[in-house]
């Protein structure tokens, strides 16, 4: 902030000074003509830099391999037929009842 204030103040002072100089109508004294000096040599122009080398082109990517097809499943074996059930044994004949006793006399 201080820098901004100093810059504005300096600019204002220079602006006022230039404005007052412009109002002064008196022409200044003519400067003395200098002795004929030799002309200064012109500086050589700088050489232009060489262009950079272009980068090598990248290798193309490989194509991905196709996926292998899955193997088909085998058929299941057929189930065996169930065995016939055994025939049940015939029931034994019931025992004959005992004969009654002869009646008492």
PDB file of N, CA and C in Angstrom:
ATOM      1  N   UNK A   1       0.828  -1.184   0.000  1.00  0.00           N
ATOM      2  CA  UNK A   1       0.000   0.000   0.000  1.00  0.00           C
ATOM      3  C   UNK A   1       0.876   1.253   0.000  1.00  0.00           C
ATOM      4  N   UNK A   2       1.993   1.163   0.756  1.00  0.00           N
ATOM      5  CA  UNK A   2       2.896   2.317   0.812  1.00  0.00           C
ATOM      6  C   UNK A   2       3.513   2.573  -0.558  1.00  0.00           C
ATOM      7  N   UNK A   3       3.812   1.494  -1.258  1.00  0.00           N
ATOM      8  CA  UNK A   3       4.398   1.654  -2.599  1.00  0.00           C
ATOM      9  C   UNK A   3       3.432   2.338  -3.548  1.00  0.00           C
ATOM     10  N   UNK A   4       2.165   1.988  -3.428  1.00  0.00           N
ATOM     11  CA  UNK A   4       1.155   2.599  -4.291  1.00  0.00           C
ATOM     12  C   UNK A   4       1.035   4.098  -4.006  1.00  0.00           C
ATOM     13  N   UNK A   5       1.039   4.465  -2.737  1.00  0.00           N
ATOM     14  CA  UNK A   5       0.933   5.887  -2.371  1.00  0.00           C
ATOM     15  C   UNK A   5       2.155   6.649  -2.869  1.00  0.00           C
ATOM     16  N   UNK A   6       3.364   6.058  -2.705  1.00  0.00           N
ATOM     17  CA  UNK A   6       4.591   6.727  -3.184  1.00  0.00           C
ATOM     18  C   UNK A   6       4.579   6.879  -4.696  1.00  0.00           C
ATOM     19  N   UNK A   7       4.096   5.868  -5.409  1.00  0.00           N
ATOM     20  CA  UNK A   7       4.057   5.933  -6.869  1.00  0.00           C
ATOM     21  C   UNK A   7       3.090   7.004  -7.345  1.00  0.00           C
ATOM     22  N   UNK A   8       1.931   7.111  -6.697  1.00  0.00           N
ATOM     23  CA  UNK A   8       0.945   8.134  -7.073  1.00  0.00           C
ATOM     24  C   UNK A   8       1.493   9.526  -6.785  1.00  0.00           C
ATOM     25  N   UNK A   9       2.166   9.683  -5.652  1.00  0.00           N
ATOM     26  CA  UNK A   9       2.723  11.003  -5.306  1.00  0.00           C
ATOM     27  C   UNK A   9       3.817  11.400  -6.291  1.00  0.00           C
ATOM     28  N   UNK A  10       4.709  10.470  -6.655  1.00  0.00           N
ATOM     29  CA  UNK A  10       5.774  10.760  -7.610  1.00  0.00           C
ATOM     30  C   UNK A  10       5.204  11.105  -8.980  1.00  0.00           C
ATOM     31  N   UNK A  11       4.221  10.353  -9.409  1.00  0.00           N
ATOM     32  CA  UNK A  11       3.578  10.617 -10.704  1.00  0.00           C
ATOM     33  C   UNK A  11       2.927  12.000 -10.710  1.00  0.00           C
ATOM     34  N   UNK A  12       2.263  12.339  -9.608  1.00  0.00           N
ATOM     35  CA  UNK A  12       1.603  13.657  -9.539  1.00  0.00           C
ATOM     36  C   UNK A  12       2.631  14.787  -9.582  1.00  0.00           C
ATOM     37  N   UNK A  13       3.756  14.630  -8.869  1.00  0.00           N
ATOM     38  CA  UNK A  13       4.782  15.682  -8.858  1.00  0.00           C
ATOM     39  C   UNK A  13       5.396  15.849 -10.241  1.00  0.00           C
ATOM     40  N   UNK A  14       5.680  14.755 -10.911  1.00  0.00           N
ATOM     41  CA  UNK A  14       6.240  14.851 -12.266  1.00  0.00           C
ATOM     42  C   UNK A  14       5.240  15.449 -13.239  1.00  0.00           C
ATOM     43  N   UNK A  15       3.996  15.102 -13.073  1.00  0.00           N
ATOM     44  CA  UNK A  15       2.960  15.623 -13.967  1.00  0.00           C
ATOM     45  C   UNK A  15       2.812  17.133 -13.799  1.00  0.00           C
ATOM     46  N   UNK A  16       2.844  17.615 -12.562  1.00  0.00           N
ATOM     47  CA  UNK A  16       2.734  19.061 -12.321  1.00  0.00           C
ATOM     48  C   UNK A  16       3.959  19.771 -12.867  1.00  0.00           C
ATOM     49  N   UNK A  17       5.138  19.198 -12.670  1.00  0.00           N
ATOM     50  CA  UNK A  17       6.363  19.824 -13.163  1.00  0.00           C
ATOM     51  C   UNK A  17       6.371  19.933 -14.681  1.00  0.00           C
ATOM     52  N   UNK A  18       5.919  18.903 -15.350  1.00  0.00           N
ATOM     53  CA  UNK A  18       5.869  18.946 -16.824  1.00  0.00           C
ATOM     54  C   UNK A  18       4.837  19.948 -17.298  1.00  0.00           C
ATOM     55  N   UNK A  19       3.751  20.050 -16.554  1.00  0.00           N
ATOM     56  CA  UNK A  19       2.711  21.000 -16.942  1.00  0.00           C
ATOM     57  C   UNK A  19       3.230  22.424 -16.809  1.00  0.00           C
ATOM     58  N   UNK A  20       4.003  22.735 -15.795  1.00  0.00           N
ATOM     59  CA  UNK A  20       4.542  24.092 -15.613  1.00  0.00           C
ATOM     60  C   UNK A  20       5.611  24.376 -16.664  1.00  0.00           C
ATOM     61  N   UNK A  21       6.397  23.404 -17.032  1.00  0.00           N
ATOM     62  CA  UNK A  21       7.400  23.630 -18.064  1.00  0.00           C
ATOM     63  C   UNK A  21       6.750  23.966 -19.398  1.00  0.00           C
ATOM     64  N   UNK A  22       5.630  23.312 -19.666  1.00  0.00           N
ATOM     65  CA  UNK A  22       4.956  23.563 -20.934  1.00  0.00           C
ATOM     66  C   UNK A  22       4.422  24.981 -21.031  1.00  0.00           C
ATOM     67  N   UNK A  23       4.165  25.649 -19.898  1.00  0.00           N
ATOM     68  CA  UNK A  23       3.629  27.004 -19.918  1.00  0.00           C
ATOM     69  C   UNK A  23       4.733  28.047 -20.066  1.00  0.00           C
ATOM     70  N   UNK A  24       5.945  27.635 -19.802  1.00  0.00           N
ATOM     71  CA  UNK A  24       7.061  28.568 -19.925  1.00  0.00           C
ATOM     72  C   UNK A  24       7.342  28.789 -21.406  1.00  0.00           C
ATOM     73  N   UNK A  25       7.121  29.992 -21.937  1.00  0.00           N
ATOM     74  CA  UNK A  25       7.279  30.257 -23.364  1.00  0.00           C
ATOM     75  C   UNK A  25       8.673  30.698 -23.766  1.00  0.00           C
ATOM     76  N   UNK A  26       9.591  30.889 -22.820  1.00  0.00           N
ATOM     77  CA  UNK A  26      10.919  31.401 -23.181  1.00  0.00           C
ATOM     78  C   UNK A  26      11.735  30.294 -23.819  1.00  0.00           C
ATOM     79  N   UNK A  27      12.308  30.572 -25.011  1.00  0.00           N
ATOM     80  CA  UNK A  27      13.115  29.543 -25.654  1.00  0.00           C
ATOM     81  C   UNK A  27      14.451  29.405 -24.962  1.00  0.00           C
ATOM     82  N   UNK A  28      14.983  28.207 -24.930  1.00  0.00           N
ATOM     83  CA  UNK A  28      16.264  27.961 -24.303  1.00  0.00           C
ATOM     84  C   UNK A  28      17.404  28.358 -25.227  1.00  0.00           C
ATOM     85  N   UNK A  29      18.583  28.477 -24.647  1.00  0.00           N
ATOM     86  CA  UNK A  29      19.761  28.844 -25.439  1.00  0.00           C
ATOM     87  C   UNK A  29      20.136  27.693 -26.346  1.00  0.00           C
ATOM     88  N   UNK A  30      20.711  28.041 -27.505  1.00  0.00           N
ATOM     89  CA  UNK A  30      21.121  27.024 -28.453  1.00  0.00           C
ATOM     90  C   UNK A  30      22.388  26.364 -27.952  1.00  0.00           C
ATOM     91  N   UNK A  31      22.422  25.085 -28.041  1.00  0.00           N
ATOM     92  CA  UNK A  31      23.580  24.345 -27.564  1.00  0.00           C
ATOM     93  C   UNK A  31      24.751  24.510 -28.505  1.00  0.00           C
ATOM     94  N   UNK A  32      25.961  24.388 -27.973  1.00  0.00           N
ATOM     95  CA  UNK A  32      27.159  24.522 -28.790  1.00  0.00           C
ATOM     96  C   UNK A  32      27.267  23.327 -29.717  1.00  0.00           C
ATOM     97  N   UNK A  33      27.808  23.629 -30.901  1.00  0.00           N
ATOM     98  CA  UNK A  33      27.983  22.556 -31.873  1.00  0.00           C
ATOM     99  C   UNK A  33      29.222  21.781 -31.468  1.00  0.00           C
ATOM    100  N   UNK A  34      29.077  20.495 -31.369  1.00  0.00           N
ATOM    101  CA  UNK A  34      30.199  19.677 -30.954  1.00  0.00           C
ATOM    102  C   UNK A  34      31.199  19.496 -32.085  1.00  0.00           C
ATOM    103  N   UNK A  35      32.424  19.159 -31.713  1.00  0.00           N
ATOM    104  CA  UNK A  35      33.450  18.881 -32.714  1.00  0.00           C
ATOM    105  C   UNK A  35      33.032  17.660 -33.508  1.00  0.00           C
ATOM    106  N   UNK A  36      33.517  17.603 -34.734  1.00  0.00           N
ATOM    107  CA  UNK A  36      33.137  16.495 -35.598  1.00  0.00           C
ATOM    108  C   UNK A  36      33.750  15.218 -35.053  1.00  0.00           C
ATOM    109  N   UNK A  37      32.947  14.415 -34.450  1.00  0.00           N
ATOM    110  CA  UNK A  37      33.453  13.149 -33.922  1.00  0.00           C
ATOM    111  C   UNK A  37      33.290  12.029 -34.936  1.00  0.00           C
ATOM    112  N   UNK A  38      34.034  10.970 -34.744  1.00  0.00           N
ATOM    113  CA  UNK A  38      33.887   9.836 -35.668  1.00  0.00           C
ATOM    114  C   UNK A  38      32.604   9.090 -35.333  1.00  0.00           C
ATOM    115  N   UNK A  39      32.048   8.547 -36.359  1.00  0.00           N
ATOM    116  CA  UNK A  39      30.796   7.822 -36.182  1.00  0.00           C
ATOM    117  C   UNK A  39      31.068   6.523 -35.433  1.00  0.00           C
ATOM    118  N   UNK A  40      30.239   6.215 -34.475  1.00  0.00           N
ATOM    119  CA  UNK A  40      30.420   4.958 -33.733  1.00  0.00           C
ATOM    120  C   UNK A  40      30.127   3.754 -34.618  1.00  0.00           C
ATOM    121  N   UNK A  41      30.846   2.660 -34.390  1.00  0.00           N
ATOM    122  CA  UNK A  41      30.613   1.462 -35.214  1.00  0.00           C
ATOM    123  C   UNK A  41      29.309   0.799 -34.787  1.00  0.00           C
ATOM    124  N   UNK A  42      28.684   0.268 -35.753  1.00  0.00           N
ATOM    125  CA  UNK A  42      27.403  -0.389 -35.486  1.00  0.00           C
ATOM    126  C   UNK A  42      27.672  -1.774 -34.905  1.00  0.00           C
ATOM    127  N   UNK A  43      26.942  -2.126 -33.878  1.00  0.00           N
ATOM    128  CA  UNK A  43      27.123  -3.463 -33.276  1.00  0.00           C
ATOM    129  C   UNK A  43      26.647  -4.559 -34.225  1.00  0.00           C
ATOM    130  N   UNK A  44      27.348  -5.662 -34.236  1.00  0.00           N
ATOM    131  CA  UNK A  44      26.954  -6.775 -35.107  1.00  0.00           C
ATOM    132  C   UNK A  44      25.665  -7.387 -34.580  1.00  0.00           C
ATOM    133  N   UNK A  45      24.848  -7.823 -35.517  1.00  0.00           N
ATOM    134  CA  UNK A  45      23.596  -8.468 -35.116  1.00  0.00           C
ATOM    135  C   UNK A  45      23.891  -9.843 -34.548  1.00  0.00           C
ATOM    136  N   UNK A  46      23.137 -10.251 -33.557  1.00  0.00           N
ATOM    137  CA  UNK A  46      23.331 -11.587 -32.965  1.00  0.00           C
ATOM    138  C   UNK A  46      22.904 -12.676 -33.929  1.00  0.00           C
ATOM    139  N   UNK A  47      23.613 -13.779 -33.868  1.00  0.00           N
ATOM    140  CA  UNK A  47      23.250 -14.880 -34.770  1.00  0.00           C
ATOM    141  C   UNK A  47      21.968 -15.539 -34.272  1.00  0.00           C
ATOM    142  N   UNK A  48      21.209 -16.035 -35.209  1.00  0.00           N
ATOM    143  CA  UNK A  48      19.936 -16.666 -34.880  1.00  0.00           C
ATOM    144  C   UNK A  48      20.189 -18.073 -34.370  1.00  0.00           C
ATOM    145  N   UNK A  49      19.498 -18.459 -33.347  1.00  0.00           N
ATOM    146  CA  UNK A  49      19.676 -19.808 -32.791  1.00  0.00           C
ATOM    147  C   UNK A  49      19.171 -20.878 -33.747  1.00  0.00           C
ATOM    148  N   UNK A  50      19.807 -22.030 -33.705  1.00  0.00           N
ATOM    149  CA  UNK A  50      19.403 -23.144 -34.570  1.00  0.00           C
ATOM    150  C   UNK A  50      18.075 -23.723 -34.093  1.00  0.00           C
ATOM    151  N   UNK A  51      17.345 -24.274 -35.045  1.00  0.00           N
ATOM    152  CA  UNK A  51      16.077 -24.904 -34.690  1.00  0.00           C
ATOM    153  C   UNK A  51      16.329 -26.172 -33.897  1.00  0.00           C
ATOM    154  N   UNK A  52      15.434 -26.470 -32.976  1.00  0.00           N
ATOM    155  CA  UNK A  52      15.561 -27.695 -32.178  1.00  0.00           C
ATOM    156  C   UNK A  52      15.270 -28.930 -33.016  1.00  0.00           C
ATOM    157  N   UNK A  53      15.864 -30.023 -32.619  1.00  0.00           N
ATOM    158  CA  UNK A  53      15.657 -31.283 -33.333  1.00  0.00           C
ATOM    159  C   UNK A  53      14.259 -31.792 -33.030  1.00  0.00           C
ATOM    160  N   UNK A  54      13.600 -32.339 -34.055  1.00  0.00           N
ATOM    161  CA  UNK A  54      12.260 -32.889 -33.849  1.00  0.00           C
ATOM    162  C   UNK A  54      12.360 -34.216 -33.129  1.00  0.00           C
ATOM    163  N   UNK A  55      11.428 -34.491 -32.262  1.00  0.00           N
ATOM    164  CA  UNK A  55      11.428 -35.764 -31.535  1.00  0.00           C
ATOM    165  C   UNK A  55      11.081 -36.928 -32.452  1.00  0.00           C
ATOM    166  N   UNK A  56      11.585 -38.118 -32.113  1.00  0.00           N
ATOM    167  CA  UNK A  56      11.294 -39.308 -32.907  1.00  0.00           C
ATOM    168  C   UNK A  56       9.835 -39.691 -32.746  1.00  0.00           C
ATOM    169  N   UNK A  57       9.287 -40.308 -33.793  1.00  0.00           N
ATOM    170  CA  UNK A  57       7.881 -40.704 -33.742  1.00  0.00           C
ATOM    171  C   UNK A  57       7.743 -41.947 -32.887  1.00  0.00           C
ATOM    172  N   UNK A  58       6.716 -41.997 -32.077  1.00  0.00           N
ATOM    173  CA  UNK A  58       6.505 -43.145 -31.192  1.00  0.00           C
ATOM    174  C   UNK A  58       6.095 -44.383 -31.973  1.00  0.00           C
ATOM    175  N   UNK A  59       6.397 -45.542 -31.387  1.00  0.00           N
ATOM    176  CA  UNK A  59       6.043 -46.821 -32.008  1.00  0.00           C
ATOM    177  C   UNK A  59       4.542 -47.032 -31.885  1.00  0.00           C
ATOM    178  N   UNK A  60       3.937 -47.605 -32.943  1.00  0.00           N
ATOM    179  CA  UNK A  60       2.500 -47.884 -32.900  1.00  0.00           C
ATOM    180  C   UNK A  60       2.208 -48.972 -31.886  1.00  0.00           C
ATOM    181  N   UNK A  61       1.115 -48.859 -31.190  1.00  0.00           N
ATOM    182  CA  UNK A  61       0.740 -49.883 -30.210  1.00  0.00           C
ATOM    183  C   UNK A  61       0.312 -51.173 -30.900  1.00  0.00           C
ATOM    184  N   UNK A  62       0.533 -52.320 -30.224  1.00  0.00           N
ATOM    185  CA  UNK A  62       0.139 -53.612 -30.786  1.00  0.00           C
ATOM    186  C   UNK A  62      -1.358 -53.810 -30.595  1.00  0.00           C
ATOM    187  N   UNK A  63      -1.938 -54.598 -31.516  1.00  0.00           N
ATOM    188  CA  UNK A  63      -3.360 -54.911 -31.424  1.00  0.00           C
ATOM    189  C   UNK A  63      -3.558 -56.003 -30.392  1.00  0.00           C
ATOM    190  N   UNK A  64      -4.562 -55.882 -29.569  1.00  0.00           N
ATOM    191  CA  UNK A  64      -4.813 -56.906 -28.556  1.00  0.00           C
ATOM    192  C   UNK A  64      -5.256 -58.213 -29.185  1.00  0.00           C
ATOM    193  N   UNK A  65      -4.864 -59.363 -28.606  1.00  0.00           N
ATOM    194  CA  UNK A  65      -5.248 -60.674 -29.125  1.00  0.00           C
ATOM    195  C   UNK A  65      -6.713 -60.940 -28.820  1.00  0.00           C
ATOM    196  N   UNK A  66      -7.354 -61.685 -29.729  1.00  0.00           N
ATOM    197  CA  UNK A  66      -8.749 -62.050 -29.480  1.00  0.00           C
ATOM    198  C   UNK A  66      -8.820 -63.082 -28.367  1.00  0.00           C
ATOM    199  N   UNK A  67      -9.882 -63.063 -27.603  1.00  0.00           N
ATOM    200  CA  UNK A  67     -10.048 -64.062 -26.538  1.00  0.00           C
ATOM    201  C   UNK A  67     -10.345 -65.442 -27.107  1.00  0.00           C
ATOM    202  N   UNK A  68      -9.871 -66.490 -26.438  1.00  0.00           N
ATOM    203  CA  UNK A  68     -10.119 -67.865 -26.879  1.00  0.00           C
ATOM    204  C   UNK A  68     -11.555 -68.219 -26.550  1.00  0.00           C
ATOM    205  N   UNK A  69     -12.184 -68.973 -27.497  1.00  0.00           N
ATOM    206  CA  UNK A  69     -13.565 -69.390 -27.235  1.00  0.00           C
ATOM    207  C   UNK A  69     -13.586 -70.450 -26.153  1.00  0.00           C
ATOM    208  N   UNK A  70     -14.577 -70.461 -25.295  1.00  0.00           N
ATOM    209  CA  UNK A  70     -14.685 -71.472 -24.242  1.00  0.00           C
ATOM    210  C   UNK A  70     -14.999 -72.848 -24.812  1.00  0.00           C
ATOM    211  N   UNK A  71     -14.518 -73.900 -24.152  1.00  0.00           N
ATOM    212  CA  UNK A  71     -14.779 -75.272 -24.590  1.00  0.00           C
ATOM    213  C   UNK A  71     -16.214 -75.629 -24.232  1.00  0.00           C
ATOM    214  N   UNK A  72     -16.888 -76.375 -25.157  1.00  0.00           N
ATOM    215  CA  UNK A  72     -18.263 -76.787 -24.865  1.00  0.00           C
ATOM    216  C   UNK A  72     -18.258 -77.869 -23.784  1.00  0.00           C
ATOM    217  N   UNK A  73     -19.216 -77.849 -22.890  1.00  0.00           N
ATOM    218  CA  UNK A  73     -19.305 -78.867 -21.836  1.00  0.00           C
ATOM    219  C   UNK A  73     -19.709 -80.231 -22.400  1.00  0.00           C
ATOM    220  N   UNK A  74     -19.266 -81.332 -21.771  1.00  0.00           N
ATOM    221  CA  UNK A  74     -19.652 -82.670 -22.195  1.00  0.00           C
ATOM    222  C   UNK A  74     -21.045 -82.970 -21.686  1.00  0.00           C
ATOM    223  N   UNK A  75     -21.723 -83.917 -22.380  1.00  0.00           N
ATOM    224  CA  UNK A  75     -23.056 -84.304 -21.929  1.00  0.00           C
ATOM    225  C   UNK A  75     -22.932 -85.189 -20.710  1.00  0.00           C
ATOM    226  N   UNK A  76     -23.819 -85.083 -19.821  1.00  0.00           N
ATOM    227  CA  UNK A  76     -23.832 -85.963 -18.635  1.00  0.00           C
ATOM    228  C   UNK A  76     -24.220 -87.395 -18.996  1.00  0.00           C
ATOM    229  N   UNK A  77     -23.742 -88.367 -18.253  1.00  0.00           N
ATOM    230  CA  UNK A  77     -24.104 -89.762 -18.508  1.00  0.00           C
ATOM    231  C   UNK A  77     -25.534 -89.986 -18.037  1.00  0.00           C
ATOM    232  N   UNK A  78     -26.178 -90.933 -18.715  1.00  0.00           N
ATOM    233  CA  UNK A  78     -27.575 -91.224 -18.388  1.00  0.00           C
ATOM    234  C   UNK A  78     -27.623 -92.005 -17.093  1.00  0.00           C
ATOM    235  N   UNK A  79     -28.560 -91.704 -16.229  1.00  0.00           N
ATOM    236  CA  UNK A  79     -28.676 -92.416 -14.949  1.00  0.00           C
ATOM    237  C   UNK A  79     -29.107 -93.869 -15.139  1.00  0.00           C
ATOM    238  N   UNK A  80     -28.640 -94.775 -14.287  1.00  0.00           N
ATOM    239  CA  UNK A  80     -29.017 -96.201 -14.365  1.00  0.00           C
ATOM    240  C   UNK A  80     -30.460 -96.364 -13.929  1.00  0.00           C
ATOM    241  N   UNK A  81     -31.120 -97.359 -14.539  1.00  0.00           N
ATOM    242  CA  UNK A  81     -32.509 -97.616 -14.170  1.00  0.00           C
ATOM    243  C   UNK A  81     -32.543 -98.220 -12.777  1.00  0.00           C
ATOM    244  N   UNK A  82     -33.497 -97.895 -11.996  1.00  0.00           N
ATOM    245  CA  UNK A  82     -33.614 -98.464 -10.640  1.00  0.00           C
ATOM    246  C   UNK A  82     -33.932 -99.962 -10.667  1.00  0.00           C
ATOM    247  N   UNK A  83     -33.414-100.729  -9.718  1.00  0.00           N
ATOM    248  CA  UNK A  83     -33.699-102.175  -9.632  1.00  0.00           C
ATOM    249  C   UNK A  83     -35.125-102.379  -9.165  1.00  0.00           C
ATOM    250  N   UNK A  84     -35.700-103.483  -9.643  1.00  0.00           N
ATOM    251  CA  UNK A  84     -37.066-103.782  -9.197  1.00  0.00           C
ATOM    252  C   UNK A  84     -37.036-104.162  -7.724  1.00  0.00           C
ATOM    253  N   UNK A  85     -38.057-103.787  -7.005  1.00  0.00           N
ATOM    254  CA  UNK A  85     -38.123-104.135  -5.588  1.00  0.00           C
ATOM    255  C   UNK A  85     -38.331-105.643  -5.391  1.00  0.00           C
ATOM    256  N   UNK A  86     -37.776-106.194  -4.324  1.00  0.00           N
ATOM    257  CA  UNK A  86     -37.959-107.633  -4.028  1.00  0.00           C
ATOM    258  C   UNK A  86     -39.402-107.893  -3.637  1.00  0.00           C
ATOM    259  N   UNK A  87     -39.863-109.071  -3.994  1.00  0.00           N
ATOM    260  CA  UNK A  87     -41.244-109.429  -3.663  1.00  0.00           C
ATOM    261  C   UNK A  87     -41.294-109.783  -2.194  1.00  0.00           C
ATOM    262  N   UNK A  88     -42.325-109.341  -1.518  1.00  0.00           N
ATOM    263  CA  UNK A  88     -42.448-109.629  -0.092  1.00  0.00           C
ATOM    264  C   UNK A  88     -42.713-111.117   0.164  1.00  0.00           C
ATOM    265  N   UNK A  89     -42.185-111.667   1.258  1.00  0.00           N
ATOM    266  CA  UNK A  89     -42.409-113.078   1.607  1.00  0.00           C
ATOM    267  C   UNK A  89     -43.860-113.283   1.994  1.00  0.00           C
ATOM    268  N   UNK A  90     -44.367-114.457   1.649  1.00  0.00           N
ATOM    269  CA  UNK A  90     -45.767-114.738   1.985  1.00  0.00           C
ATOM    270  C   UNK A  90     -45.880-114.943   3.491  1.00  0.00           C
ATOM    271  N   UNK A  91     -46.937-114.515   4.110  1.00  0.00           N
ATOM    272  CA  UNK A  91     -47.097-114.670   5.553  1.00  0.00           C
ATOM    273  C   UNK A  91     -47.301-116.145   5.935  1.00  0.00           C
ATOM    274  N   UNK A  92     -46.766-116.566   7.049  1.00  0.00           N
ATOM    275  CA  UNK A  92     -46.943-117.965   7.523  1.00  0.00           C
ATOM    276  C   UNK A  92     -48.388-118.153   7.972  1.00  0.00           C
ATOM    277  N   UNK A  93     -48.850-119.340   7.768  1.00  0.00           N
ATOM    278  CA  UNK A  93     -50.227-119.606   8.198  1.00  0.00           C
ATOM    279  C   UNK A  93     -50.268-119.579   9.717  1.00  0.00           C
ATOM    280  N   UNK A  94     -51.315-119.088  10.281  1.00  0.00           N
ATOM    281  CA  UNK A  94     -51.454-119.073  11.747  1.00  0.00           C
ATOM    282  C   UNK A  94     -51.559-120.482  12.337  1.00  0.00           C
ATOM    283  N   UNK A  95     -51.057-120.683  13.561  1.00  0.00           N
ATOM    284  CA  UNK A  95     -51.126-121.998  14.212  1.00  0.00           C
ATOM    285  C   UNK A  95     -52.581-122.303  14.570  1.00  0.00           C
ATOM    286  N   UNK A  96     -52.862-123.530  14.480  1.00  0.00           N
ATOM    287  CA  UNK A  96     -54.253-123.912  14.769  1.00  0.00           C
ATOM    288  C   UNK A  96     -54.435-123.870  16.276  1.00  0.00           C
ATOM    289  N   UNK A  97     -55.583-123.487  16.699  1.00  0.00           N
ATOM    290  CA  UNK A  97     -55.875-123.446  18.127  1.00  0.00           C
ATOM    291  C   UNK A  97     -55.934-124.862  18.726  1.00  0.00           C
ATOM    292  N   UNK A  98     -55.589-124.973  20.008  1.00  0.00           N
ATOM    293  CA  UNK A  98     -55.656-126.303  20.682  1.00  0.00           C
ATOM    294  C   UNK A  98     -57.106-126.727  20.816  1.00  0.00           C
ATOM    295  N   UNK A  99     -57.324-127.988  20.762  1.00  0.00           N
ATOM    296  CA  UNK A  99     -58.692-128.466  20.898  1.00  0.00           C
ATOM    297  C   UNK A  99     -59.118-128.354  22.357  1.00  0.00           C
ATOM    298  N   UNK A 100     -60.356-128.196  22.572  1.00  0.00           N
ATOM    299  CA  UNK A 100     -60.867-128.068  23.930  1.00  0.00           C
ATOM    300  C   UNK A 100     -60.727-129.395  24.691  1.00  0.00           C
ATOM    301  N   UNK A 101     -60.626-129.356  26.039  1.00  0.00           N
ATOM    302  CA  UNK A 101     -60.510-130.559  26.853  1.00  0.00           C
ATOM    303  C   UNK A 101     -61.868-131.220  26.979  1.00  0.00           C
ATOM    304  N   UNK A 102     -61.777-132.470  27.121  1.00  0.00           N
ATOM    305  CA  UNK A 102     -63.083-133.102  27.318  1.00  0.00           C
ATOM    306  C   UNK A 102     -63.716-132.644  28.642  1.00  0.00           C
ATOM    307  N   UNK A 103     -64.980-132.602  28.706  1.00  0.00           N
ATOM    308  CA  UNK A 103     -65.673-132.098  29.868  1.00  0.00           C
ATOM    309  C   UNK A 103     -65.515-133.045  31.067  1.00  0.00           C
ATOM    310  N   UNK A 104     -65.445-132.529  32.243  1.00  0.00           N
ATOM    311  CA  UNK A 104     -65.263-133.327  33.445  1.00  0.00           C
ATOM    312  C   UNK A 104     -66.570-134.088  33.718  1.00  0.00           C
ATOM    313  N   UNK A 105     -66.440-135.356  34.367  1.00  0.00           N
ATOM    314  CA  UNK A 105     -67.642-136.121  34.621  1.00  0.00           C
ATOM    315  C   UNK A 105     -67.974-136.097  36.017  1.00  0.00           C
TER     316      UNK A 105
END
